[in-house]
Structure formats: C-alpha cells, structure tokens
Amino acid sequence: MSALKSNAFVLFTLVAVRIQSALWSIISDCDETFNYWEPLHYVLKGSGFQTWEYSPEFALRSYSYLWLHALPAKIVGLLVDNGVVIFYAVRCMLAVVCALLEYRLYKVLGRKCGGGVCNLWLFFQLVNAGMFISSAALLPSSFAMYITLATITAWLNDDAKTGIAVTAFSGLIGWPFAVIVAIPFVLEQLFWKKQIVRFMKHALLFGCLFGIPIVLIDSLYFGTFTVAALNIIRYNVFTSHGPDLYGVEPVMFYAKNLFLNHNITLVLSLSYPLVVVIAAALGIRNTKNRLSPMQGLWLMSPLYLWLLVFVIQPHKEERFIFPVYPFFSLGTALLLDQMFSHMKRALGAPNSSIANRTLGFAVLGIALSLGLSRMLANSMHYRAPLTILNGLPATNQETNVCYGKEWYRFPSSFFLPPNYRARFVESSFGGMLPAYFEETANGTQIVHDYFNDQNKGHPHMLFELDRCDYLVDLDTGAFYEEKTKEPNYSADRKTWSIVESIKFVNAARSESFARAYYVPSLSYPYLVYGKYNLLQRKKVD
C-alpha cells in the first residue's frame, strides 16, 4: 500500500509541475507560433498564418503532426469555443503526456538502476528550467523529447519493438533528425545482439504502419505526393545554404543557453564520461548501482552524439537541443550515484555519510535555486505578449491588430477574439514574414509567388499602418520619430491611446544575470522595464 501511495504521489507531482509549465511558460520561439500554432488554428478554425515551409512547392512541415493535436483540440472546442481555452488545453495535454512518459522512465530507472538514481533523476527533472520551457511546447523538438523518454524506457526494458516503433513514429511525423537519439540503440540491436532480421522486420512494419497514413494525409493537404520528412532533410542537408539563412551562432550560444536551463546538471552530466574513465583506470567499481558505469556511459551516449552533431552546425536554436534534455538529469543522477559509492569505499561508512550528504545537498540546492529562479524570471519578465490581447473588446466587424518590431512575439490567433486579424507593418526586419492561408477548400494546395526558401521579404506580407485599428508596441521610453522604421508608437499620443499596458523587461538595458534569474528584491535594481502596450487608434473628429 505504501508503494502505491508513493507512486501516486510521484505521478501527481509530475503532472502538477508539468501543468504549471503549460500555464505559465512563455512562447520562447516564434517558430512555435508561426509553424505550429498558426497552422493548427487554420486546421481548426479555417484561418491562420502560413509560412513558406507549408507552401506545396517546399512542403517541409507535416499536417499529420498538426492533427495529433487538432483531434483533442476539436473535442475541447465542442465544449468551449474559446481560443485561449483551446490553446491552454492543448498545452496541458502535452504536459500530461510528458509527465506520464517521465513517470514510466522513473519506474524503470528504479528497477534497473536503483532508488538513488531514479529519485535523483526525478528531482532534477522537476526543478529543471529546460523541462519547464520544453515540456508543453508545440514543437516537433519537444515531441522528439517525449520520444526520447520513451526510447530510454524501452532501451532499459530491453524492449526493442517499442524502441523501433517510437523512433519510426518520431522521425516520420515529427522531426526526422530525432532518430539520432536512437543510433546507439540501433547499433546495439544490429551488432551486439545480432538481431538484424528482427530489427529490419520491425523497422519495415512500423515504417509502413506510420509512414503510409502520414504520407497520405500530407499528400492530400499539399495536393501532390509529399514526404515531409524527406523534404526537410533535403532542405537542411542538400541545399547550398540550408538553414543558415536564418542566422548562425558561435558555440557559446549553446553553452550559455544550456547553462541557463540546466545549470549544474549540464556540468555534471558532461563530466560523467570523465568520472567513468578515471574510475575504470583506477580499478574502482561502483558496487551500489545495478547498472555498471560502462552501461551507464553507453546509455548516455545519445546526449554526447547529439551535441557533437548540433554544436558544429552553424545555425543554432535553443529548441534543437530539446530532444536530449532528459539526459542532463540522467547523467547527473548517474554521476552522483557513482560518486557516493566511490566515497563510501574510499572514506568508510561514517566519514562518507557526511561527505555524501554535503555533496548531495550542495548539488540539489544549486539545481533547485537556479532552476526555480530561471523559471520565475521567464514567466515574470516576459509574459506580457500572452496577456496583452486580453484588452481587446468584442466586435462584429473585421478589426486589425498590427505588429511592427514585435511581430515575432505575436502569441497566435488563438488569443484574438472573433473578427480580429493580426497584421504586420513595416519594421527593420527584412526577412520573410508569414502570410494568411487562403481561406478556400484548397487553401493548403495553392502555390504563391510571395513565398521563397531564401528568406527574402515580400511586400504582400506588409499592411498599411493607417489601416490598423490596434497596434501592439513595446514602449522603451524613446521619443516618437515618424521617419524611422521602428518608431516608439506609444509616444505618439496624437494617433494612439493606450488600452492595456504591462511591464516588460528591457533586455538590452538590463543586467544579464538579473533578467536571466529572478531573485526577490535583489534583481530589481539591475532591471530596466519597458511597457508592453496595446494601442488603439484615436477616432478623428
């Protein structure tokens, strides 16, 4: 009975924490809005923004992936016809799926690695800012992270069939590059266990089982035979420019972002191979863990392989590392468990008890304090774009809400009341903006001349400022200069009145540590706030 209560408590805690992520995390990447929330809104409501990736001539994104979320969203829509409710219902569904997969892995880690590893892993998962950001995001990379949880579970259970099935599903419907996580698992099946025939049989079975309906759905939407997974590989790998048109970053980009999201677990999980090698060289064995150090290192190999592949790519995005986020907690748990065992052998039971407690509490304390501080900073400093549109009144006629320099923070059409349209006015951004899907029966099959794969802007996407009824703008305190491309519209009080105003951290003028971590009282002197404003055009008498 106590075990059942304990398991119920763990599951309840995971679900509760993940739902908090769904309710309070921000949209940290405009790709999530325009490549997934907007097409999902189109599938559900018949209107929404289309990016060039959804143009039939490129067809990089899968409508099958959208329908995984559209089906439950439609059920919610039958009960409550409110875009914001549907948005958060989808997020909560994703959060619960993540929690259930984490719970399954927690149980398997307990059986295979012992209670120390599974409890440490659970703790680091719960206080992990990276999981807070990724667990409820509508992104294929988050979906791939769910599959990573399922893959590790299958691997530890020696369940090759499930491992092959979830990998095939992830690669075909989500993000094809996610199969990198399964490469060590596949090598083990083919070369160590000599299960070549069984592997090929299962791969063919699940490839057809998932691939055929996915291709049929996408081909129906695009109006031509389409394998979206192959198209995205072709674009990213076999074109002269690949994704580098969308910005390249140095290696430090990942180092900084991974430390912000994983803090001490980043350092310790990357140190795990070194500890294993040193212990092996000295002949020190871990007598506590049921999983040998070399088995643990092999289990962790997808993380190191993933980082090796993606760190060397010029184009870097935070979401590209989402699929291996659970490994940072796992590597840290395995390392601590091994260190506890080694110190017990080296110092003896009485002395090692104090040393182990000191080490454990230090690591747990750092992970907890930095993790919670990072989560709070994200939610408190940058949440305004998700709430600013609450000030829009109901209307019976088409009304335009415009975005200029804040275009990339538009949270999606789910936040717009009926009869409102989001529009883009000119800003300093010269790349390609999304455009509305054609709202016809074959709207997804039409090829438009304003889409291209070169990230070149087109005037079709721009709207005339004087036709804007409302405008979302970040007031940085600057004077209004009409001739600039990004004026401080909030200062133009002759044209605009402020309907809603929310504090928003001005990142450029704030200290980096203060905007990255929330520390009550101590952060405020180092933060500079702007005002995230919903402006309404004044009526001309």
Protein backbone atom coordinates (compact mmCIF):
# COMPACT_ATOMS: atom_id res chain seq x y z
CA MET A 1 0.00 0.00 0.00
CA SER A 2 2.83 2.43 0.85
CA ALA A 3 4.43 1.75 -2.55
CA LEU A 4 1.13 2.59 -4.28
CA LYS A 5 0.86 5.82 -2.31
CA SER A 6 4.44 6.69 -3.17
CA ASN A 7 3.89 6.03 -6.89
CA ALA A 8 0.66 8.04 -6.85
CA PHE A 9 2.47 10.93 -5.18
CA VAL A 10 5.27 10.87 -7.79
CA LEU A 11 2.78 10.82 -10.67
CA PHE A 12 0.68 13.58 -9.12
CA THR A 13 3.79 15.74 -8.59
CA LEU A 14 4.97 15.26 -12.17
CA VAL A 15 1.56 16.11 -13.61
CA ALA A 16 1.15 19.14 -11.33
CA VAL A 17 4.59 20.55 -12.18
CA ARG A 18 4.17 19.98 -15.91
CA ILE A 19 0.75 21.65 -15.92
CA GLN A 20 2.36 24.65 -14.26
CA SER A 21 4.71 24.72 -17.23
CA ALA A 22 1.73 24.67 -19.58
CA LEU A 23 0.03 27.53 -17.77
CA TRP A 24 2.99 29.79 -17.04
CA SER A 25 5.77 29.23 -19.58
CA ILE A 26 6.12 31.71 -22.42
CA ILE A 27 6.41 31.05 -26.14
CA SER A 28 10.17 31.36 -26.41
CA ASP A 29 10.45 30.81 -30.17
CA CYS A 30 8.39 32.45 -32.93
CA ASP A 31 8.79 29.24 -34.93
CA GLU A 32 6.39 27.63 -32.46
CA THR A 33 3.78 30.29 -33.17
CA PHE A 34 4.00 30.56 -36.94
CA ASN A 35 4.89 26.99 -37.91
CA TYR A 36 2.59 25.17 -35.47
CA TRP A 37 0.06 27.22 -33.53
CA GLU A 38 -1.00 29.22 -36.58
CA PRO A 39 -1.43 26.24 -38.96
CA LEU A 40 -3.23 24.44 -36.12
CA HIS A 41 -5.59 27.41 -35.87
CA TYR A 42 -6.16 27.16 -39.61
CA VAL A 43 -6.95 23.44 -39.36
CA LEU A 44 -9.40 24.10 -36.53
CA LYS A 45 -10.90 27.47 -37.41
CA GLY A 46 -10.19 27.97 -41.12
CA SER A 47 -7.89 30.98 -40.66
CA GLY A 48 -4.28 31.41 -39.65
CA PHE A 49 -0.82 32.33 -40.86
CA GLN A 50 1.06 30.20 -43.36
CA THR A 51 4.85 30.09 -43.61
CA TRP A 52 6.85 29.17 -46.68
CA GLU A 53 7.51 25.73 -45.14
CA TYR A 54 3.81 24.94 -45.70
CA SER A 55 3.83 26.04 -49.33
CA PRO A 56 3.30 22.96 -51.57
CA GLU A 57 6.47 23.68 -53.53
CA PHE A 58 8.54 23.16 -50.36
CA ALA A 59 6.27 21.12 -48.02
CA LEU A 60 8.68 20.86 -45.10
CA ARG A 61 6.03 20.58 -42.38
CA SER A 62 3.56 17.79 -41.76
CA TYR A 63 -0.19 18.27 -41.37
CA SER A 64 -0.25 14.82 -39.79
CA TYR A 65 1.71 16.25 -36.86
CA LEU A 66 -0.85 19.05 -36.56
CA TRP A 67 -3.70 16.54 -36.46
CA LEU A 68 -2.18 14.81 -33.42
CA HIS A 69 -3.12 18.00 -31.59
CA ALA A 70 -6.14 19.04 -33.65
CA LEU A 71 -8.21 15.99 -32.69
CA PRO A 72 -8.20 16.63 -28.91
CA ALA A 73 -8.42 20.39 -29.60
CA LYS A 74 -11.60 19.85 -31.62
CA ILE A 75 -13.14 17.98 -28.70
CA VAL A 76 -12.30 20.87 -26.38
CA GLY A 77 -13.71 23.29 -28.96
CA LEU A 78 -17.04 21.47 -28.93
CA LEU A 79 -17.28 22.11 -25.20
CA VAL A 80 -15.80 25.62 -25.03
CA ASP A 81 -15.49 27.73 -28.17
CA ASN A 82 -12.74 29.98 -26.87
CA GLY A 83 -9.32 30.22 -28.50
CA VAL A 84 -7.39 30.89 -25.29
CA VAL A 85 -9.02 27.90 -23.57
CA ILE A 86 -8.17 25.67 -26.54
CA PHE A 87 -4.57 26.95 -26.53
CA TYR A 88 -4.04 26.10 -22.88
CA ALA A 89 -5.97 22.82 -23.16
CA VAL A 90 -3.54 21.66 -25.87
CA ARG A 91 -0.62 22.74 -23.72
CA CYS A 92 -1.99 20.88 -20.70
CA MET A 93 -2.48 17.76 -22.83
CA LEU A 94 1.17 17.94 -23.90
CA ALA A 95 2.21 18.48 -20.28
CA VAL A 96 0.32 15.40 -19.10
CA VAL A 97 1.80 13.26 -21.89
CA CYS A 98 5.28 14.39 -20.86
CA ALA A 99 4.57 13.66 -17.19
CA LEU A 100 3.28 10.16 -17.95
CA LEU A 101 6.38 9.33 -20.00
CA GLU A 102 8.62 10.70 -17.26
CA TYR A 103 6.78 8.57 -14.72
CA ARG A 104 7.30 5.42 -16.80
CA LEU A 105 11.02 6.15 -17.07
CA TYR A 106 11.19 6.88 -13.33
CA LYS A 107 9.74 3.44 -12.58
CA VAL A 108 12.13 1.69 -14.96
CA LEU A 109 15.14 3.58 -13.56
CA GLY A 110 14.13 2.39 -10.11
CA ARG A 111 14.16 -1.24 -11.24
CA LYS A 112 17.30 -1.08 -13.36
CA CYS A 113 19.47 1.47 -11.58
CA GLY A 114 18.18 1.58 -8.03
CA GLY A 115 16.20 4.05 -5.96
CA GLY A 116 19.06 6.52 -5.66
CA VAL A 117 19.33 7.12 -9.40
CA CYS A 118 15.59 7.26 -10.08
CA ASN A 119 14.91 9.68 -7.20
CA LEU A 120 17.78 11.95 -8.15
CA TRP A 121 16.67 11.91 -11.78
CA LEU A 122 13.11 12.80 -10.74
CA PHE A 123 14.29 15.70 -8.59
CA PHE A 124 16.43 17.20 -11.35
CA GLN A 125 13.59 16.82 -13.85
CA LEU A 126 11.17 18.67 -11.59
CA VAL A 127 13.45 21.65 -10.93
CA ASN A 128 14.83 21.82 -14.46
CA ALA A 129 14.17 25.12 -16.26
CA GLY A 130 14.80 23.46 -19.62
CA MET A 131 11.99 20.99 -18.99
CA PHE A 132 9.78 23.88 -17.86
CA ILE A 133 10.29 25.52 -21.26
CA SER A 134 10.12 22.43 -23.45
CA SER A 135 7.61 20.08 -21.81
CA ALA A 136 4.46 21.85 -23.06
CA ALA A 137 5.79 23.49 -26.23
CA LEU A 138 4.03 22.75 -29.52
CA LEU A 139 7.23 21.87 -31.34
CA PRO A 140 8.50 18.71 -33.07
CA SER A 141 11.65 19.02 -30.97
CA SER A 142 9.52 18.78 -27.81
CA PHE A 143 7.68 15.84 -29.35
CA ALA A 144 11.09 14.28 -30.01
CA MET A 145 11.92 14.82 -26.34
CA TYR A 146 8.83 12.79 -25.40
CA ILE A 147 10.08 10.07 -27.73
CA THR A 148 13.49 10.23 -26.05
CA LEU A 149 11.81 9.44 -22.73
CA ALA A 150 10.01 6.50 -24.34
CA THR A 151 13.19 5.33 -26.08
CA ILE A 152 15.27 5.30 -22.87
CA THR A 153 12.47 3.38 -21.15
CA ALA A 154 12.32 0.81 -23.95
CA TRP A 155 16.10 0.52 -24.02
CA LEU A 156 16.34 -0.18 -20.29
CA ASN A 157 13.45 -2.67 -20.56
CA ASP A 158 15.21 -4.42 -23.45
CA ASP A 159 12.04 -3.75 -25.46
CA ALA A 160 13.42 -3.38 -28.97
CA LYS A 161 9.99 -3.44 -30.62
CA THR A 162 8.74 -0.40 -28.72
CA GLY A 163 12.05 1.42 -29.23
CA ILE A 164 11.85 0.92 -33.01
CA ALA A 165 8.16 1.87 -33.08
CA VAL A 166 8.52 5.19 -31.24
CA THR A 167 11.66 6.11 -33.18
CA ALA A 168 9.91 5.47 -36.51
CA PHE A 169 6.89 7.49 -35.39
CA SER A 170 9.03 10.42 -34.24
CA GLY A 171 11.15 10.52 -37.40
CA LEU A 172 8.20 10.29 -39.78
CA ILE A 173 5.67 12.59 -38.16
CA GLY A 174 7.79 14.90 -36.04
CA TRP A 175 11.42 15.74 -36.67
CA PRO A 176 13.48 13.27 -38.75
CA PHE A 177 16.75 14.29 -37.10
CA ALA A 178 15.39 12.97 -33.80
CA VAL A 179 16.38 9.45 -34.86
CA ILE A 180 19.96 10.39 -33.89
CA VAL A 181 18.97 9.64 -30.28
CA ALA A 182 18.24 6.02 -31.25
CA ILE A 183 21.52 5.38 -33.12
CA PRO A 184 23.29 3.67 -30.17
CA PHE A 185 20.14 1.60 -29.56
CA VAL A 186 20.11 0.54 -33.23
CA LEU A 187 23.82 -0.30 -33.20
CA GLU A 188 23.30 -2.44 -30.13
CA GLN A 189 20.50 -4.35 -31.84
CA LEU A 190 22.41 -4.88 -35.09
CA PHE A 191 25.96 -5.59 -33.91
CA TRP A 192 25.97 -6.66 -30.26
CA LYS A 193 22.72 -8.59 -30.12
CA LYS A 194 22.80 -9.67 -33.79
CA GLN A 195 19.06 -9.00 -34.16
CA ILE A 196 19.36 -7.87 -37.78
CA VAL A 197 16.36 -9.74 -39.17
CA ARG A 198 14.10 -8.84 -36.26
CA PHE A 199 15.19 -5.20 -36.43
CA MET A 200 14.57 -4.96 -40.18
CA LYS A 201 11.18 -6.65 -39.82
CA HIS A 202 10.05 -4.24 -37.11
CA ALA A 203 11.52 -1.22 -38.90
CA LEU A 204 9.65 -2.12 -42.08
CA LEU A 205 6.44 -2.86 -40.18
CA PHE A 206 6.35 0.40 -38.25
CA GLY A 207 7.71 2.41 -41.16
CA CYS A 208 4.71 1.31 -43.23
CA LEU A 209 2.24 1.42 -40.35
CA PHE A 210 3.04 5.06 -39.59
CA GLY A 211 4.50 6.24 -42.88
CA ILE A 212 1.65 5.35 -45.22
CA PRO A 213 -1.13 7.29 -43.41
CA ILE A 214 1.24 10.21 -42.74
CA VAL A 215 2.15 10.45 -46.43
CA LEU A 216 -1.50 10.12 -47.47
CA ILE A 217 -2.63 12.91 -45.13
CA ASP A 218 0.19 15.25 -46.18
CA SER A 219 -0.29 14.49 -49.88
CA LEU A 220 -3.98 15.28 -49.54
CA TYR A 221 -3.24 18.64 -47.93
CA PHE A 222 -0.45 19.65 -50.30
CA GLY A 223 -2.22 18.35 -53.41
CA THR A 224 0.78 16.32 -54.55
CA PHE A 225 2.74 13.30 -53.33
CA THR A 226 4.59 14.53 -50.25
CA VAL A 227 7.02 13.03 -47.77
CA ALA A 228 7.62 15.98 -45.46
CA ALA A 229 10.38 14.20 -43.52
CA LEU A 230 12.43 13.76 -46.70
CA ASN A 231 11.80 17.37 -47.74
CA ILE A 232 13.15 18.78 -44.50
CA ILE A 233 16.24 16.58 -44.75
CA ARG A 234 16.77 17.68 -48.35
CA TYR A 235 16.47 21.37 -47.46
CA ASN A 236 18.70 21.25 -44.37
CA VAL A 237 21.39 18.92 -45.72
CA PHE A 238 21.39 19.02 -49.51
CA THR A 239 20.81 22.68 -50.42
CA SER A 240 23.70 25.12 -50.80
CA HIS A 241 22.54 27.38 -47.96
CA GLY A 242 20.47 25.06 -45.77
CA PRO A 243 19.02 26.75 -42.69
CA ASP A 244 21.98 29.13 -42.30
CA LEU A 245 19.93 31.95 -43.85
CA TYR A 246 18.10 32.20 -40.53
CA GLY A 247 21.17 33.13 -38.53
CA VAL A 248 24.35 31.44 -37.39
CA GLU A 249 25.69 31.42 -33.87
CA PRO A 250 29.03 30.55 -32.20
CA VAL A 251 29.43 27.52 -29.94
CA MET A 252 28.96 29.76 -26.91
CA PHE A 253 25.32 30.21 -27.89
CA TYR A 254 24.59 26.64 -26.79
CA ALA A 255 26.93 26.85 -23.81
CA LYS A 256 25.09 29.90 -22.50
CA ASN A 257 21.57 28.62 -23.15
CA LEU A 258 22.26 25.16 -21.80
CA PHE A 259 23.75 26.56 -18.61
CA LEU A 260 20.77 28.87 -18.11
CA ASN A 261 18.37 25.96 -18.49
CA HIS A 262 20.35 23.16 -16.81
CA ASN A 263 22.96 24.92 -14.64
CA ILE A 264 24.87 22.36 -12.55
CA THR A 265 23.30 19.34 -14.28
CA LEU A 266 24.90 20.49 -17.54
CA VAL A 267 28.35 20.49 -15.96
CA LEU A 268 27.94 17.20 -14.13
CA SER A 269 26.30 15.26 -16.99
CA LEU A 270 29.09 16.30 -19.34
CA SER A 271 31.63 15.28 -16.68
CA TYR A 272 30.16 11.80 -16.32
CA PRO A 273 32.36 10.15 -19.02
CA LEU A 274 35.48 11.55 -17.36
CA VAL A 275 34.49 10.12 -13.97
CA VAL A 276 33.72 6.73 -15.53
CA VAL A 277 37.05 6.61 -17.38
CA ILE A 278 39.08 7.66 -14.33
CA ALA A 279 37.29 5.13 -12.10
CA ALA A 280 37.88 2.37 -14.67
CA ALA A 281 41.57 3.31 -14.97
CA LEU A 282 41.97 3.15 -11.19
CA GLY A 283 40.06 -0.12 -10.99
CA ILE A 284 37.32 1.38 -8.80
CA ARG A 285 33.97 -0.37 -9.07
CA ASN A 286 30.53 1.00 -8.27
CA THR A 287 29.06 -1.70 -6.05
CA LYS A 288 25.84 0.21 -5.39
CA ASN A 289 24.36 0.80 -8.82
CA ARG A 290 22.83 -2.17 -10.65
CA LEU A 291 23.84 -0.50 -13.92
CA SER A 292 27.60 -0.68 -14.46
CA PRO A 293 29.46 2.56 -15.22
CA MET A 294 30.16 1.46 -18.79
CA GLN A 295 26.49 0.57 -19.29
CA GLY A 296 25.59 3.98 -17.91
CA LEU A 297 28.03 5.63 -20.30
CA TRP A 298 26.51 3.73 -23.22
CA LEU A 299 23.04 4.77 -22.06
CA MET A 300 24.20 8.40 -22.01
CA SER A 301 25.88 8.22 -25.43
CA PRO A 302 22.90 9.75 -27.32
CA LEU A 303 23.48 13.03 -25.46
CA TYR A 304 27.12 13.25 -26.47
CA LEU A 305 26.36 12.19 -30.04
CA TRP A 306 23.58 14.77 -30.29
CA LEU A 307 25.77 17.59 -29.01
CA LEU A 308 28.58 16.56 -31.35
CA VAL A 309 26.23 16.78 -34.34
CA PHE A 310 24.42 20.00 -33.46
CA VAL A 311 27.19 22.07 -31.90
CA ILE A 312 29.17 22.02 -35.16
CA GLN A 313 26.15 23.23 -37.18
CA PRO A 314 26.37 26.97 -37.92
CA HIS A 315 22.60 27.51 -37.49
CA LYS A 316 21.72 27.11 -33.82
CA GLU A 317 18.40 27.31 -32.00
CA GLU A 318 17.65 26.56 -28.36
CA ARG A 319 14.87 24.15 -29.40
CA PHE A 320 17.35 21.97 -31.32
CA ILE A 321 18.63 20.57 -28.01
CA PHE A 322 15.17 19.83 -26.55
CA PRO A 323 15.21 16.14 -27.57
CA VAL A 324 18.10 15.31 -25.21
CA TYR A 325 17.03 17.42 -22.21
CA PRO A 326 16.17 14.36 -20.03
CA PHE A 327 19.76 13.14 -20.40
CA PHE A 328 21.15 16.06 -18.41
CA SER A 329 19.18 14.92 -15.36
CA LEU A 330 20.06 11.29 -16.01
CA GLY A 331 23.79 11.92 -16.38
CA THR A 332 23.85 13.93 -13.17
CA ALA A 333 21.95 11.22 -11.28
CA LEU A 334 24.31 8.51 -12.53
CA LEU A 335 27.39 10.58 -11.68
CA LEU A 336 26.22 11.39 -8.14
CA ASP A 337 25.29 7.79 -7.51
CA GLN A 338 28.75 6.70 -8.62
CA MET A 339 30.48 9.40 -6.56
CA PHE A 340 28.53 8.38 -3.45
CA SER A 341 29.66 4.78 -3.94
CA HIS A 342 33.30 5.75 -4.52
CA MET A 343 33.44 7.99 -1.45
CA LYS A 344 31.94 5.25 0.68
CA ARG A 345 34.70 2.86 -0.43
CA ALA A 346 37.42 5.45 0.00
CA LEU A 347 36.36 7.07 3.29
CA GLY A 348 34.43 4.33 5.04
CA ALA A 349 30.82 4.41 6.13
CA PRO A 350 30.88 7.09 8.92
CA ASN A 351 33.02 9.67 7.10
CA SER A 352 31.49 9.07 3.68
CA SER A 353 28.00 9.65 5.07
CA ILE A 354 28.86 13.25 5.93
CA ALA A 355 30.73 13.81 2.65
CA ASN A 356 27.91 12.33 0.58
CA ARG A 357 25.28 14.40 2.33
CA THR A 358 27.34 17.55 1.83
CA LEU A 359 27.86 16.83 -1.87
CA GLY A 360 24.25 15.81 -2.39
CA PHE A 361 22.71 18.79 -0.65
CA ALA A 362 25.08 21.18 -2.44
CA VAL A 363 24.16 19.86 -5.89
CA LEU A 364 20.44 19.62 -5.11
CA GLY A 365 20.43 23.10 -3.59
CA ILE A 366 22.15 24.69 -6.58
CA ALA A 367 19.86 22.90 -9.04
CA LEU A 368 16.75 23.87 -7.09
CA SER A 369 17.61 27.52 -6.51
CA LEU A 370 18.89 28.25 -10.03
CA GLY A 371 16.13 26.22 -11.68
CA LEU A 372 13.27 27.91 -9.83
CA SER A 373 14.87 31.32 -10.24
CA ARG A 374 15.15 30.80 -14.00
CA MET A 375 11.55 29.60 -14.34
CA LEU A 376 10.25 32.59 -12.38
CA ALA A 377 12.32 35.02 -14.44
CA ASN A 378 10.94 33.67 -17.71
CA SER A 379 7.34 33.86 -16.53
CA MET A 380 7.52 37.18 -14.71
CA HIS A 381 9.73 39.18 -17.06
CA TYR A 382 8.44 38.15 -20.49
CA ARG A 383 4.82 37.01 -20.15
CA ALA A 384 3.19 40.21 -21.43
CA PRO A 385 2.75 39.06 -25.09
CA LEU A 386 0.48 36.22 -23.88
CA THR A 387 -1.80 38.54 -21.90
CA ILE A 388 -1.75 41.89 -23.69
CA LEU A 389 -4.51 40.93 -26.14
CA ASN A 390 -6.94 40.36 -23.26
CA GLY A 391 -7.79 44.06 -23.55
CA LEU A 392 -9.40 43.67 -26.99
CA PRO A 393 -13.18 44.26 -26.89
CA ALA A 394 -15.72 42.12 -28.75
CA THR A 395 -16.61 43.35 -32.26
CA ASN A 396 -18.91 42.40 -35.12
CA GLN A 397 -16.71 43.76 -37.91
CA GLU A 398 -13.23 42.89 -39.14
CA THR A 399 -10.69 44.64 -36.94
CA ASN A 400 -6.93 44.78 -37.50
CA VAL A 401 -4.36 44.34 -34.72
CA CYS A 402 -0.93 45.28 -36.06
CA TYR A 403 2.57 44.28 -35.06
CA GLY A 404 5.74 46.08 -36.11
CA LYS A 405 9.00 45.37 -34.33
CA GLU A 406 7.11 43.00 -32.02
CA TRP A 407 5.98 40.69 -34.85
CA TYR A 408 7.98 37.74 -33.52
CA ARG A 409 6.20 37.90 -30.15
CA PHE A 410 2.69 37.51 -31.60
CA PRO A 411 1.32 34.61 -29.48
CA SER A 412 -1.02 33.20 -32.17
CA SER A 413 -4.54 33.74 -33.46
CA PHE A 414 -5.87 31.69 -30.55
CA PHE A 415 -5.52 34.86 -28.47
CA LEU A 416 -7.54 37.03 -30.85
CA PRO A 417 -11.30 37.40 -30.30
CA PRO A 418 -13.62 36.65 -33.26
CA ASN A 419 -13.40 39.06 -36.22
CA TYR A 420 -9.87 40.21 -35.36
CA ARG A 421 -6.92 39.84 -37.73
CA ALA A 422 -3.23 40.15 -36.90
CA ARG A 423 -1.27 42.25 -39.41
CA PHE A 424 2.37 43.16 -39.90
CA VAL A 425 3.52 46.71 -40.55
CA GLU A 426 6.96 47.66 -41.77
CA SER A 427 9.86 47.25 -39.37
CA SER A 428 13.62 46.83 -39.65
CA PHE A 429 13.14 43.08 -40.18
CA GLY A 430 13.89 42.37 -43.85
CA GLY A 431 13.28 38.63 -43.93
CA MET A 432 10.16 36.78 -44.95
CA LEU A 433 7.10 37.10 -42.79
CA PRO A 434 4.18 34.65 -42.82
CA ALA A 435 1.00 35.35 -44.79
CA TYR A 436 -2.55 34.18 -44.22
CA PHE A 437 -3.61 30.85 -45.66
CA GLU A 438 -6.10 31.16 -48.49
CA GLU A 439 -9.43 30.51 -46.82
CA THR A 440 -10.76 28.21 -49.53
CA ALA A 441 -11.32 24.47 -49.77
CA ASN A 442 -7.92 24.01 -51.44
CA GLY A 443 -6.13 26.73 -49.47
CA THR A 444 -3.24 24.47 -48.49
CA GLN A 445 -2.59 23.44 -52.11
CA ILE A 446 -2.11 26.91 -53.63
CA VAL A 447 1.41 27.96 -54.62
CA HIS A 448 2.04 31.68 -54.01
CA ASP A 449 4.74 33.76 -55.67
CA TYR A 450 5.47 35.62 -52.43
CA PHE A 451 6.92 32.55 -50.71
CA ASN A 452 10.56 31.54 -51.18
CA ASP A 453 13.20 29.49 -49.38
CA GLN A 454 15.75 32.32 -49.43
CA ASN A 455 14.32 34.30 -46.51
CA LYS A 456 13.65 37.28 -48.77
CA GLY A 457 10.90 39.62 -47.63
CA HIS A 458 7.89 40.40 -49.82
CA PRO A 459 5.56 43.42 -49.69
CA HIS A 460 2.50 41.14 -49.76
CA MET A 461 3.00 40.40 -46.06
CA LEU A 462 3.04 44.07 -45.04
CA PHE A 463 -0.02 46.06 -44.01
CA GLU A 464 -0.66 49.80 -44.20
CA LEU A 465 -0.21 51.44 -40.82
CA ASP A 466 -3.12 53.83 -41.29
CA ARG A 467 -5.49 50.84 -41.62
CA CYS A 468 -4.53 49.46 -38.21
CA ASP A 469 -7.25 49.68 -35.56
CA TYR A 470 -4.96 48.45 -32.80
CA LEU A 471 -1.20 48.11 -32.52
CA VAL A 472 1.00 46.14 -30.12
CA ASP A 473 4.16 48.01 -29.23
CA LEU A 474 6.98 47.90 -26.70
CA ASP A 475 7.45 51.34 -25.18
CA THR A 476 11.14 51.73 -24.39
CA GLY A 477 10.77 55.36 -23.33
CA ALA A 478 12.19 56.79 -26.57
CA PHE A 479 10.71 59.81 -28.30
CA TYR A 480 8.41 59.31 -31.28
CA GLU A 481 10.27 59.65 -34.60
CA GLU A 482 7.94 59.26 -37.55
CA LYS A 483 10.63 58.68 -40.19
CA THR A 484 12.21 55.61 -38.61
CA LYS A 485 11.08 52.07 -39.43
CA GLU A 486 10.58 51.22 -35.77
CA PRO A 487 9.25 54.32 -34.04
CA ASN A 488 8.10 54.25 -30.46
CA TYR A 489 4.41 54.29 -31.38
CA SER A 490 3.41 54.51 -27.73
CA ALA A 491 4.83 58.04 -27.60
CA ASP A 492 2.60 59.18 -30.49
CA ARG A 493 -0.31 60.22 -28.29
CA LYS A 494 -1.96 62.15 -31.14
CA THR A 495 -2.61 58.92 -33.03
CA TRP A 496 -2.80 56.24 -30.36
CA SER A 497 -4.35 55.76 -26.94
CA ILE A 498 -3.20 53.07 -24.53
CA VAL A 499 -5.80 50.34 -23.90
CA GLU A 500 -3.60 47.96 -21.91
CA SER A 501 -0.08 48.32 -20.52
CA ILE A 502 2.05 45.60 -18.89
CA LYS A 503 5.59 45.78 -17.51
CA PHE A 504 8.15 44.04 -19.70
CA VAL A 505 11.87 43.75 -19.05
CA ASN A 506 14.01 45.75 -21.46
CA ALA A 507 16.70 43.14 -22.05
CA ALA A 508 19.10 45.49 -23.84
CA ARG A 509 19.29 47.87 -20.87
CA SER A 510 19.12 45.33 -18.01
CA GLU A 511 21.95 43.38 -16.42
CA SER A 512 22.17 39.88 -17.91
CA PHE A 513 22.11 37.96 -14.61
CA ALA A 514 19.09 39.93 -13.34
CA ARG A 515 16.99 39.28 -16.42
CA ALA A 516 18.03 35.62 -16.53
CA TYR A 517 17.32 34.81 -12.85
CA TYR A 518 14.66 36.17 -10.54
CA VAL A 519 15.87 36.93 -7.01
CA PRO A 520 13.32 38.78 -4.85
CA SER A 521 14.44 42.31 -4.02
CA LEU A 522 17.99 41.75 -5.31
CA SER A 523 17.04 41.65 -9.01
CA TYR A 524 15.06 44.88 -9.20
CA PRO A 525 17.92 47.43 -9.04
CA TYR A 526 19.52 45.78 -12.08
CA LEU A 527 16.39 45.57 -14.23
CA VAL A 528 15.05 48.21 -16.60
CA TYR A 529 11.41 47.84 -17.55
CA GLY A 530 9.61 48.93 -20.66
CA LYS A 531 5.86 48.92 -21.16
CA TYR A 532 4.24 46.35 -23.41
CA ASN A 533 1.29 48.29 -24.75
CA LEU A 534 -1.91 47.59 -26.64
CA LEU A 535 -2.64 50.80 -28.52
CA GLN A 536 -5.94 51.87 -30.12
CA ARG A 537 -6.17 54.34 -32.96
CA LYS A 538 -7.91 57.51 -31.87
CA LYS A 539 -11.01 58.49 -33.76
CA VAL A 540 -10.71 61.57 -35.92
CA ASP A 541 -13.42 64.14 -35.13
